[in-house]
């Protein structure tokens, strides 16, 4: 079997245990910079995938992986509802072995093609969905099972791996290969490879939500204000966008049912919250409403 780049030995860290704390920090920073360059090199393929997701307009985005890759998919998916007020089912993270695998290694889970296929079946994946398999090695059986099953059901499929010419790249419609190279601890892909995977997932979820009208300017205008900090942020957004004073913005926010978009449209167009809600229901991108 060919030794994968992510499994090879890093010549810069062969004496890692003898290095000082400062030296290890500097080495980790240097390796992270290499990872960033690898993500930049993969940008055209990331762009092509995102454009295709947007061309399909709607549908779920489902991440699937094992171990660190699976955890990162679950993390990115779970951050979308509070940040962008997405439906909890709009972004879904699957991890081999289920929720318990978020904290513990589940023996044999990542080696099961059948488990991957079963997880796709349980979600009722269809042609409207996008399924993204994540695996640093690019050959995890669970992820292969996920992608093969999703493809059979007509879903858009994509892969994110950290080796070129990977097995999952050959299955997916769109392949993102971030050639991040050897880790400072041989094979520990929770390090540089994991960092680059999170960057790619950040790009996918963030850009898709921006283009779906979840952001105005650089404001997370659909934020779910679940604490005092976010309540203040919501009111500040309304004030900054509309030019109204804080008290007026706070009142509009309260009248809108604590919905920033509704408050902004209400103030700028000088209409009631009910009318603003109707306009937003027809056109979620408020820039097109208040232009």
C-alpha atoms as a PDB file:
ATOM      1  CA  UNK A   1       0.000   0.000   0.000  1.00  0.00           C
ATOM      2  CA  UNK A   2       1.308   3.461  -0.927  1.00  0.00           C
ATOM      3  CA  UNK A   3       2.175   5.616   2.098  1.00  0.00           C
ATOM      4  CA  UNK A   4      -0.154   8.614   2.162  1.00  0.00           C
ATOM      5  CA  UNK A   5       1.209  12.111   2.664  1.00  0.00           C
ATOM      6  CA  UNK A   6      -0.847  12.480   5.835  1.00  0.00           C
ATOM      7  CA  UNK A   7       0.709   9.258   7.192  1.00  0.00           C
ATOM      8  CA  UNK A   8       4.325  10.030   6.299  1.00  0.00           C
ATOM      9  CA  UNK A   9       6.992  11.226   8.719  1.00  0.00           C
ATOM     10  CA  UNK A  10       7.668  14.959   8.940  1.00  0.00           C
ATOM     11  CA  UNK A  11      11.416  15.566   8.707  1.00  0.00           C
ATOM     12  CA  UNK A  12      11.070  18.856  10.598  1.00  0.00           C
ATOM     13  CA  UNK A  13       9.782  17.129  13.741  1.00  0.00           C
ATOM     14  CA  UNK A  14      11.914  14.005  13.999  1.00  0.00           C
ATOM     15  CA  UNK A  15      13.276  15.212  17.363  1.00  0.00           C
ATOM     16  CA  UNK A  16       9.948  16.654  18.490  1.00  0.00           C
ATOM     17  CA  UNK A  17      10.153  15.360  22.044  1.00  0.00           C
ATOM     18  CA  UNK A  18      13.535  17.075  22.518  1.00  0.00           C
ATOM     19  CA  UNK A  19      12.363  20.483  21.299  1.00  0.00           C
ATOM     20  CA  UNK A  20      11.499  23.331  23.656  1.00  0.00           C
ATOM     21  CA  UNK A  21       7.942  24.577  24.099  1.00  0.00           C
ATOM     22  CA  UNK A  22       8.761  27.684  22.054  1.00  0.00           C
ATOM     23  CA  UNK A  23      10.313  25.611  19.277  1.00  0.00           C
ATOM     24  CA  UNK A  24       7.240  23.370  19.075  1.00  0.00           C
ATOM     25  CA  UNK A  25       4.929  26.398  18.942  1.00  0.00           C
ATOM     26  CA  UNK A  26       6.985  27.920  16.128  1.00  0.00           C
ATOM     27  CA  UNK A  27       6.992  24.622  14.233  1.00  0.00           C
ATOM     28  CA  UNK A  28       3.228  24.232  14.622  1.00  0.00           C
ATOM     29  CA  UNK A  29       2.736  27.763  13.288  1.00  0.00           C
ATOM     30  CA  UNK A  30       4.980  27.015  10.323  1.00  0.00           C
ATOM     31  CA  UNK A  31       3.075  23.844   9.533  1.00  0.00           C
ATOM     32  CA  UNK A  32      -0.268  25.664   9.839  1.00  0.00           C
ATOM     33  CA  UNK A  33       0.958  28.190   7.271  1.00  0.00           C
ATOM     34  CA  UNK A  34       1.675  25.295   4.911  1.00  0.00           C
ATOM     35  CA  UNK A  35      -1.882  24.111   5.483  1.00  0.00           C
ATOM     36  CA  UNK A  36      -3.242  27.549   4.646  1.00  0.00           C
ATOM     37  CA  UNK A  37      -1.345  27.531   1.350  1.00  0.00           C
ATOM     38  CA  UNK A  38      -2.779  24.098   0.604  1.00  0.00           C
ATOM     39  CA  UNK A  39      -6.312  25.421   1.155  1.00  0.00           C
ATOM     40  CA  UNK A  40      -5.539  28.346  -1.151  1.00  0.00           C
ATOM     41  CA  UNK A  41      -4.350  25.914  -3.833  1.00  0.00           C
ATOM     42  CA  UNK A  42      -7.656  24.050  -3.515  1.00  0.00           C
ATOM     43  CA  UNK A  43      -9.719  27.243  -3.830  1.00  0.00           C
ATOM     44  CA  UNK A  44     -10.856  26.677  -7.448  1.00  0.00           C
ATOM     45  CA  UNK A  45     -12.422  23.341  -6.515  1.00  0.00           C
ATOM     46  CA  UNK A  46     -13.995  24.799  -3.372  1.00  0.00           C
ATOM     47  CA  UNK A  47     -15.466  27.577  -5.512  1.00  0.00           C
ATOM     48  CA  UNK A  48     -16.848  25.128  -8.061  1.00  0.00           C
ATOM     49  CA  UNK A  49     -18.552  23.101  -5.323  1.00  0.00           C
ATOM     50  CA  UNK A  50     -20.128  26.144  -3.680  1.00  0.00           C
ATOM     51  CA  UNK A  51     -21.347  27.486  -7.014  1.00  0.00           C
ATOM     52  CA  UNK A  52     -23.024  24.149  -7.748  1.00  0.00           C
ATOM     53  CA  UNK A  53     -24.697  24.106  -4.323  1.00  0.00           C
ATOM     54  CA  UNK A  54     -26.024  27.618  -4.968  1.00  0.00           C
ATOM     55  CA  UNK A  55     -27.195  26.681  -8.460  1.00  0.00           C
ATOM     56  CA  UNK A  56     -29.409  24.077  -6.836  1.00  0.00           C
ATOM     57  CA  UNK A  57     -30.861  26.870  -4.671  1.00  0.00           C
ATOM     58  CA  UNK A  58     -31.969  24.814  -1.670  1.00  0.00           C
ATOM     59  CA  UNK A  59     -31.733  21.385  -0.115  1.00  0.00           C
ATOM     60  CA  UNK A  60     -29.783  20.035   2.812  1.00  0.00           C
ATOM     61  CA  UNK A  61     -26.024  20.027   3.174  1.00  0.00           C
ATOM     62  CA  UNK A  62     -24.925  16.844   4.921  1.00  0.00           C
ATOM     63  CA  UNK A  63     -21.375  16.410   6.196  1.00  0.00           C
ATOM     64  CA  UNK A  64     -20.138  12.897   6.947  1.00  0.00           C
ATOM     65  CA  UNK A  65     -16.884  11.634   8.413  1.00  0.00           C
ATOM     66  CA  UNK A  66     -15.241   9.505  11.064  1.00  0.00           C
ATOM     67  CA  UNK A  67     -13.175  10.597  14.055  1.00  0.00           C
ATOM     68  CA  UNK A  68     -11.846  14.146  13.816  1.00  0.00           C
ATOM     69  CA  UNK A  69     -13.322  14.641  10.341  1.00  0.00           C
ATOM     70  CA  UNK A  70     -16.773  13.625  11.558  1.00  0.00           C
ATOM     71  CA  UNK A  71     -16.522  15.847  14.624  1.00  0.00           C
ATOM     72  CA  UNK A  72     -15.592  18.843  12.486  1.00  0.00           C
ATOM     73  CA  UNK A  73     -18.604  18.239  10.245  1.00  0.00           C
ATOM     74  CA  UNK A  74     -20.913  18.042  13.263  1.00  0.00           C
ATOM     75  CA  UNK A  75     -19.320  21.216  14.666  1.00  0.00           C
ATOM     76  CA  UNK A  76     -19.791  23.220  11.484  1.00  0.00           C
ATOM     77  CA  UNK A  77     -23.377  22.040  11.043  1.00  0.00           C
ATOM     78  CA  UNK A  78     -24.270  22.800  14.662  1.00  0.00           C
ATOM     79  CA  UNK A  79     -22.974  26.355  14.383  1.00  0.00           C
ATOM     80  CA  UNK A  80     -25.283  27.287  11.499  1.00  0.00           C
ATOM     81  CA  UNK A  81     -28.615  27.616  13.398  1.00  0.00           C
ATOM     82  CA  UNK A  82     -27.345  30.121  16.016  1.00  0.00           C
ATOM     83  CA  UNK A  83     -25.230  32.073  13.531  1.00  0.00           C
ATOM     84  CA  UNK A  84     -27.550  32.170  10.532  1.00  0.00           C
ATOM     85  CA  UNK A  85     -30.912  31.082  12.020  1.00  0.00           C
ATOM     86  CA  UNK A  86     -30.994  28.167   9.609  1.00  0.00           C
ATOM     87  CA  UNK A  87     -33.433  25.308  10.025  1.00  0.00           C
ATOM     88  CA  UNK A  88     -31.732  22.664  12.212  1.00  0.00           C
ATOM     89  CA  UNK A  89     -32.147  20.225   9.318  1.00  0.00           C
ATOM     90  CA  UNK A  90     -30.526  22.503   6.712  1.00  0.00           C
ATOM     91  CA  UNK A  91     -26.995  21.520   7.743  1.00  0.00           C
ATOM     92  CA  UNK A  92     -26.481  18.052   9.205  1.00  0.00           C
ATOM     93  CA  UNK A  93     -23.349  16.396  10.536  1.00  0.00           C
ATOM     94  CA  UNK A  94     -22.970  12.609  10.453  1.00  0.00           C
ATOM     95  CA  UNK A  95     -20.209  10.859  12.380  1.00  0.00           C
ATOM     96  CA  UNK A  96     -19.418   7.162  12.149  1.00  0.00           C
ATOM     97  CA  UNK A  97     -20.727   5.544  15.301  1.00  0.00           C
ATOM     98  CA  UNK A  98     -23.309   8.237  16.107  1.00  0.00           C
ATOM     99  CA  UNK A  99     -23.348  10.815  18.889  1.00  0.00           C
ATOM    100  CA  UNK A 100     -21.271   8.699  21.266  1.00  0.00           C
ATOM    101  CA  UNK A 101     -18.422   8.944  18.756  1.00  0.00           C
ATOM    102  CA  UNK A 102     -18.209  12.683  19.393  1.00  0.00           C
ATOM    103  CA  UNK A 103     -16.382  11.856  22.631  1.00  0.00           C
ATOM    104  CA  UNK A 104     -15.271   8.252  22.311  1.00  0.00           C
ATOM    105  CA  UNK A 105     -13.724   6.108  19.605  1.00  0.00           C
ATOM    106  CA  UNK A 106     -16.261   3.541  18.388  1.00  0.00           C
ATOM    107  CA  UNK A 107     -14.502   0.338  17.380  1.00  0.00           C
ATOM    108  CA  UNK A 108     -14.977  -0.585  13.743  1.00  0.00           C
ATOM    109  CA  UNK A 109     -17.358   2.276  12.918  1.00  0.00           C
ATOM    110  CA  UNK A 110     -15.117   4.022  10.409  1.00  0.00           C
ATOM    111  CA  UNK A 111     -14.317   0.730   8.687  1.00  0.00           C
ATOM    112  CA  UNK A 112     -17.936  -0.007   7.780  1.00  0.00           C
ATOM    113  CA  UNK A 113     -19.127   0.867   4.301  1.00  0.00           C
ATOM    114  CA  UNK A 114     -22.527  -0.548   5.280  1.00  0.00           C
ATOM    115  CA  UNK A 115     -22.849   1.846   8.230  1.00  0.00           C
ATOM    116  CA  UNK A 116     -22.247   4.818   5.942  1.00  0.00           C
ATOM    117  CA  UNK A 117     -24.909   3.631   3.522  1.00  0.00           C
ATOM    118  CA  UNK A 118     -27.352   3.002   6.391  1.00  0.00           C
ATOM    119  CA  UNK A 119     -26.858   6.518   7.773  1.00  0.00           C
ATOM    120  CA  UNK A 120     -27.691   8.000   4.367  1.00  0.00           C
ATOM    121  CA  UNK A 121     -30.739   5.764   4.109  1.00  0.00           C
ATOM    122  CA  UNK A 122     -31.969   6.853   7.547  1.00  0.00           C
ATOM    123  CA  UNK A 123     -31.859  10.507   6.505  1.00  0.00           C
ATOM    124  CA  UNK A 124     -33.949   9.907   3.400  1.00  0.00           C
ATOM    125  CA  UNK A 125     -31.335  11.541   1.171  1.00  0.00           C
ATOM    126  CA  UNK A 126     -32.626  12.561  -2.256  1.00  0.00           C
ATOM    127  CA  UNK A 127     -31.594  14.486  -5.359  1.00  0.00           C
ATOM    128  CA  UNK A 128     -32.168  17.812  -3.627  1.00  0.00           C
ATOM    129  CA  UNK A 129     -29.427  17.225  -1.053  1.00  0.00           C
ATOM    130  CA  UNK A 130     -25.676  17.775  -1.091  1.00  0.00           C
ATOM    131  CA  UNK A 131     -23.609  15.146   0.746  1.00  0.00           C
ATOM    132  CA  UNK A 132     -20.002  16.016   1.589  1.00  0.00           C
ATOM    133  CA  UNK A 133     -17.706  13.214   2.727  1.00  0.00           C
ATOM    134  CA  UNK A 134     -14.728  14.279   4.835  1.00  0.00           C
ATOM    135  CA  UNK A 135     -11.654  12.089   5.368  1.00  0.00           C
ATOM    136  CA  UNK A 136      -8.046  13.177   5.796  1.00  0.00           C
ATOM    137  CA  UNK A 137      -6.793   9.912   4.312  1.00  0.00           C
ATOM    138  CA  UNK A 138      -9.373  10.029   1.540  1.00  0.00           C
ATOM    139  CA  UNK A 139     -10.082   6.328   1.869  1.00  0.00           C
ATOM    140  CA  UNK A 140     -12.228   5.881   5.005  1.00  0.00           C
ATOM    141  CA  UNK A 141     -14.738   3.066   4.262  1.00  0.00           C
ATOM    142  CA  UNK A 142     -17.579   4.747   6.187  1.00  0.00           C
ATOM    143  CA  UNK A 143     -17.215   7.869   4.036  1.00  0.00           C
ATOM    144  CA  UNK A 144     -17.039   5.791   0.866  1.00  0.00           C
ATOM    145  CA  UNK A 145     -20.282   4.095   1.880  1.00  0.00           C
ATOM    146  CA  UNK A 146     -21.899   7.474   2.502  1.00  0.00           C
ATOM    147  CA  UNK A 147     -20.868   8.890  -0.869  1.00  0.00           C
ATOM    148  CA  UNK A 148     -21.736   5.793  -2.874  1.00  0.00           C
ATOM    149  CA  UNK A 149     -25.197   5.597  -1.317  1.00  0.00           C
ATOM    150  CA  UNK A 150     -25.836   9.325  -1.734  1.00  0.00           C
ATOM    151  CA  UNK A 151     -24.798   9.153  -5.371  1.00  0.00           C
ATOM    152  CA  UNK A 152     -27.177   6.262  -6.019  1.00  0.00           C
ATOM    153  CA  UNK A 153     -29.996   8.431  -4.672  1.00  0.00           C
ATOM    154  CA  UNK A 154     -29.117  11.269  -7.056  1.00  0.00           C
ATOM    155  CA  UNK A 155     -27.713  13.659  -4.458  1.00  0.00           C
ATOM    156  CA  UNK A 156     -24.922  16.087  -5.266  1.00  0.00           C
ATOM    157  CA  UNK A 157     -21.778  14.572  -3.768  1.00  0.00           C
ATOM    158  CA  UNK A 158     -18.479  16.136  -2.742  1.00  0.00           C
ATOM    159  CA  UNK A 159     -15.366  15.057  -0.906  1.00  0.00           C
ATOM    160  CA  UNK A 160     -12.863  16.864   1.303  1.00  0.00           C
ATOM    161  CA  UNK A 161      -9.577  15.012   1.754  1.00  0.00           C
ATOM    162  CA  UNK A 162      -5.943  15.796   2.549  1.00  0.00           C
ATOM    163  CA  UNK A 163      -4.269  13.589  -0.054  1.00  0.00           C
ATOM    164  CA  UNK A 164      -4.266  13.948  -3.813  1.00  0.00           C
ATOM    165  CA  UNK A 165      -5.874  11.306  -6.014  1.00  0.00           C
ATOM    166  CA  UNK A 166      -7.831   9.959  -3.057  1.00  0.00           C
ATOM    167  CA  UNK A 167     -10.386   7.170  -3.253  1.00  0.00           C
ATOM    168  CA  UNK A 168     -13.276   9.373  -2.150  1.00  0.00           C
ATOM    169  CA  UNK A 169     -12.308  11.962  -4.783  1.00  0.00           C
ATOM    170  CA  UNK A 170     -12.997   9.335  -7.433  1.00  0.00           C
ATOM    171  CA  UNK A 171     -16.500   8.750  -6.074  1.00  0.00           C
ATOM    172  CA  UNK A 172     -17.618  12.339  -5.547  1.00  0.00           C
ATOM    173  CA  UNK A 173     -18.992  14.730  -8.156  1.00  0.00           C
ATOM    174  CA  UNK A 174     -16.769  17.472  -6.740  1.00  0.00           C
ATOM    175  CA  UNK A 175     -13.430  16.711  -5.085  1.00  0.00           C
ATOM    176  CA  UNK A 176     -11.628  19.135  -2.773  1.00  0.00           C
ATOM    177  CA  UNK A 177      -8.114  17.877  -2.089  1.00  0.00           C
ATOM    178  CA  UNK A 178      -6.127  19.903   0.421  1.00  0.00           C
ATOM    179  CA  UNK A 179      -2.620  18.458   0.203  1.00  0.00           C
ATOM    180  CA  UNK A 180      -1.571  19.433   3.725  1.00  0.00           C
ATOM    181  CA  UNK A 181       1.267  16.926   4.002  1.00  0.00           C
ATOM    182  CA  UNK A 182       2.865  15.205   6.970  1.00  0.00           C
ATOM    183  CA  UNK A 183       1.890  16.101  10.526  1.00  0.00           C
ATOM    184  CA  UNK A 184       4.422  16.990  13.231  1.00  0.00           C
ATOM    185  CA  UNK A 185       3.172  13.870  15.053  1.00  0.00           C
ATOM    186  CA  UNK A 186       3.069  11.225  12.361  1.00  0.00           C
ATOM    187  CA  UNK A 187      -0.485  10.428  11.316  1.00  0.00           C
ATOM    188  CA  UNK A 188      -2.147  12.767  13.829  1.00  0.00           C
ATOM    189  CA  UNK A 189      -4.538  14.393  11.374  1.00  0.00           C
ATOM    190  CA  UNK A 190      -6.397  16.178  14.180  1.00  0.00           C
ATOM    191  CA  UNK A 191      -3.629  18.772  13.719  1.00  0.00           C
ATOM    192  CA  UNK A 192      -2.890  20.440  10.371  1.00  0.00           C
ATOM    193  CA  UNK A 193      -5.284  18.318   8.315  1.00  0.00           C
ATOM    194  CA  UNK A 194      -8.122  18.962  10.762  1.00  0.00           C
ATOM    195  CA  UNK A 195      -7.413  22.692  10.715  1.00  0.00           C
ATOM    196  CA  UNK A 196      -7.614  22.808   6.937  1.00  0.00           C
ATOM    197  CA  UNK A 197     -10.817  20.754   6.910  1.00  0.00           C
ATOM    198  CA  UNK A 198     -12.465  23.242   9.258  1.00  0.00           C
ATOM    199  CA  UNK A 199     -11.378  26.094   7.002  1.00  0.00           C
ATOM    200  CA  UNK A 200     -12.975  24.423   3.989  1.00  0.00           C
ATOM    201  CA  UNK A 201     -16.216  23.722   5.866  1.00  0.00           C
ATOM    202  CA  UNK A 202     -16.230  27.343   7.107  1.00  0.00           C
ATOM    203  CA  UNK A 203     -16.070  28.491   3.497  1.00  0.00           C
ATOM    204  CA  UNK A 204     -18.881  26.200   2.381  1.00  0.00           C
ATOM    205  CA  UNK A 205     -21.383  26.990   5.146  1.00  0.00           C
ATOM    206  CA  UNK A 206     -20.539  30.688   5.390  1.00  0.00           C
ATOM    207  CA  UNK A 207     -20.630  31.487   1.679  1.00  0.00           C
ATOM    208  CA  UNK A 208     -23.782  29.438   1.066  1.00  0.00           C
ATOM    209  CA  UNK A 209     -25.558  31.293   3.859  1.00  0.00           C
ATOM    210  CA  UNK A 210     -24.294  34.679   2.679  1.00  0.00           C
ATOM    211  CA  UNK A 211     -25.634  34.025  -0.801  1.00  0.00           C
ATOM    212  CA  UNK A 212     -28.934  32.752   0.592  1.00  0.00           C
ATOM    213  CA  UNK A 213     -29.567  36.140   2.202  1.00  0.00           C
ATOM    214  CA  UNK A 214     -28.473  35.304   5.736  1.00  0.00           C
ATOM    215  CA  UNK A 215     -25.975  38.177   5.804  1.00  0.00           C
ATOM    216  CA  UNK A 216     -26.385  41.882   5.024  1.00  0.00           C
ATOM    217  CA  UNK A 217     -23.087  43.661   4.417  1.00  0.00           C
ATOM    218  CA  UNK A 218     -20.977  41.907   7.020  1.00  0.00           C
ATOM    219  CA  UNK A 219     -23.779  41.631   9.572  1.00  0.00           C
ATOM    220  CA  UNK A 220     -25.142  38.206  10.607  1.00  0.00           C
ATOM    221  CA  UNK A 221     -28.599  39.617  10.182  1.00  0.00           C
ATOM    222  CA  UNK A 222     -30.394  36.336  10.850  1.00  0.00           C
ATOM    223  CA  UNK A 223     -28.604  35.698  14.156  1.00  0.00           C
ATOM    224  CA  UNK A 224     -30.578  33.929  16.882  1.00  0.00           C
ATOM    225  CA  UNK A 225     -30.213  36.211  19.899  1.00  0.00           C
ATOM    226  CA  UNK A 226     -30.130  33.693  22.719  1.00  0.00           C
ATOM    227  CA  UNK A 227     -28.234  35.749  25.306  1.00  0.00           C
ATOM    228  CA  UNK A 228     -27.627  39.340  26.379  1.00  0.00           C
ATOM    229  CA  UNK A 229     -24.525  39.727  24.214  1.00  0.00           C
ATOM    230  CA  UNK A 230     -26.429  38.705  21.103  1.00  0.00           C
ATOM    231  CA  UNK A 231     -29.417  40.871  22.047  1.00  0.00           C
ATOM    232  CA  UNK A 232     -27.106  43.892  22.157  1.00  0.00           C
ATOM    233  CA  UNK A 233     -25.512  42.863  18.885  1.00  0.00           C
ATOM    234  CA  UNK A 234     -28.939  42.602  17.256  1.00  0.00           C
ATOM    235  CA  UNK A 235     -29.966  46.087  18.358  1.00  0.00           C
ATOM    236  CA  UNK A 236     -26.609  47.524  17.271  1.00  0.00           C
ATOM    237  CA  UNK A 237     -27.044  45.940  13.831  1.00  0.00           C
ATOM    238  CA  UNK A 238     -30.467  47.504  13.415  1.00  0.00           C
ATOM    239  CA  UNK A 239     -29.126  50.895  14.430  1.00  0.00           C
ATOM    240  CA  UNK A 240     -26.082  50.685  12.144  1.00  0.00           C
ATOM    241  CA  UNK A 241     -28.073  49.555   9.102  1.00  0.00           C
ATOM    242  CA  UNK A 242     -31.010  51.948   9.471  1.00  0.00           C
ATOM    243  CA  UNK A 243     -29.251  54.942  11.021  1.00  0.00           C
ATOM    244  CA  UNK A 244     -31.877  55.085  13.784  1.00  0.00           C
ATOM    245  CA  UNK A 245     -30.956  55.746  17.411  1.00  0.00           C
ATOM    246  CA  UNK A 246     -30.605  52.876  19.841  1.00  0.00           C
ATOM    247  CA  UNK A 247     -33.964  53.343  21.545  1.00  0.00           C
ATOM    248  CA  UNK A 248     -35.837  53.362  18.241  1.00  0.00           C
ATOM    249  CA  UNK A 249     -33.904  50.310  17.129  1.00  0.00           C
ATOM    250  CA  UNK A 250     -34.601  48.514  20.395  1.00  0.00           C
ATOM    251  CA  UNK A 251     -38.315  49.228  20.098  1.00  0.00           C
ATOM    252  CA  UNK A 252     -38.408  48.003  16.496  1.00  0.00           C
ATOM    253  CA  UNK A 253     -36.544  44.863  17.519  1.00  0.00           C
ATOM    254  CA  UNK A 254     -39.059  44.173  20.278  1.00  0.00           C
ATOM    255  CA  UNK A 255     -42.023  44.854  17.972  1.00  0.00           C
ATOM    256  CA  UNK A 256     -40.578  42.530  15.331  1.00  0.00           C
ATOM    257  CA  UNK A 257     -40.588  39.565  17.676  1.00  0.00           C
ATOM    258  CA  UNK A 258     -36.809  39.880  18.105  1.00  0.00           C
ATOM    259  CA  UNK A 259     -36.077  39.449  14.420  1.00  0.00           C
ATOM    260  CA  UNK A 260     -33.401  41.757  13.018  1.00  0.00           C
ATOM    261  CA  UNK A 261     -34.458  41.483   9.376  1.00  0.00           C
ATOM    262  CA  UNK A 262     -38.057  42.364  10.183  1.00  0.00           C
ATOM    263  CA  UNK A 263     -37.015  45.347  12.289  1.00  0.00           C
ATOM    264  CA  UNK A 264     -34.704  46.677   9.568  1.00  0.00           C
ATOM    265  CA  UNK A 265     -37.304  46.394   6.799  1.00  0.00           C
ATOM    266  CA  UNK A 266     -39.955  47.897   9.064  1.00  0.00           C
ATOM    267  CA  UNK A 267     -37.840  50.955   9.876  1.00  0.00           C
ATOM    268  CA  UNK A 268     -36.423  51.596   6.403  1.00  0.00           C
ATOM    269  CA  UNK A 269     -39.728  51.163   4.561  1.00  0.00           C
ATOM    270  CA  UNK A 270     -41.796  52.643   7.404  1.00  0.00           C
ATOM    271  CA  UNK A 271     -44.176  49.698   7.498  1.00  0.00           C
ATOM    272  CA  UNK A 272     -45.490  47.578  10.322  1.00  0.00           C
ATOM    273  CA  UNK A 273     -43.800  44.382  11.445  1.00  0.00           C
ATOM    274  CA  UNK A 274     -46.537  42.234   9.878  1.00  0.00           C
ATOM    275  CA  UNK A 275     -46.038  43.830   6.474  1.00  0.00           C
ATOM    276  CA  UNK A 276     -42.255  43.524   6.802  1.00  0.00           C
ATOM    277  CA  UNK A 277     -42.615  39.811   7.569  1.00  0.00           C
ATOM    278  CA  UNK A 278     -44.728  39.287   4.448  1.00  0.00           C
ATOM    279  CA  UNK A 279     -42.098  40.994   2.297  1.00  0.00           C
ATOM    280  CA  UNK A 280     -39.310  38.867   3.795  1.00  0.00           C
ATOM    281  CA  UNK A 281     -41.341  35.685   3.284  1.00  0.00           C
ATOM    282  CA  UNK A 282     -41.404  36.477  -0.447  1.00  0.00           C
ATOM    283  CA  UNK A 283     -37.768  37.617  -0.614  1.00  0.00           C
ATOM    284  CA  UNK A 284     -35.355  36.526   2.171  1.00  0.00           C
ATOM    285  CA  UNK A 285     -32.564  38.751   0.842  1.00  0.00           C
ATOM    286  CA  UNK A 286     -33.517  42.081   2.350  1.00  0.00           C
ATOM    287  CA  UNK A 287     -31.052  44.006   0.195  1.00  0.00           C
ATOM    288  CA  UNK A 288     -33.471  43.371  -2.660  1.00  0.00           C
ATOM    289  CA  UNK A 289     -36.369  44.679  -0.554  1.00  0.00           C
ATOM    290  CA  UNK A 290     -34.843  47.891   0.756  1.00  0.00           C
ATOM    291  CA  UNK A 291     -32.796  48.852  -2.319  1.00  0.00           C
END
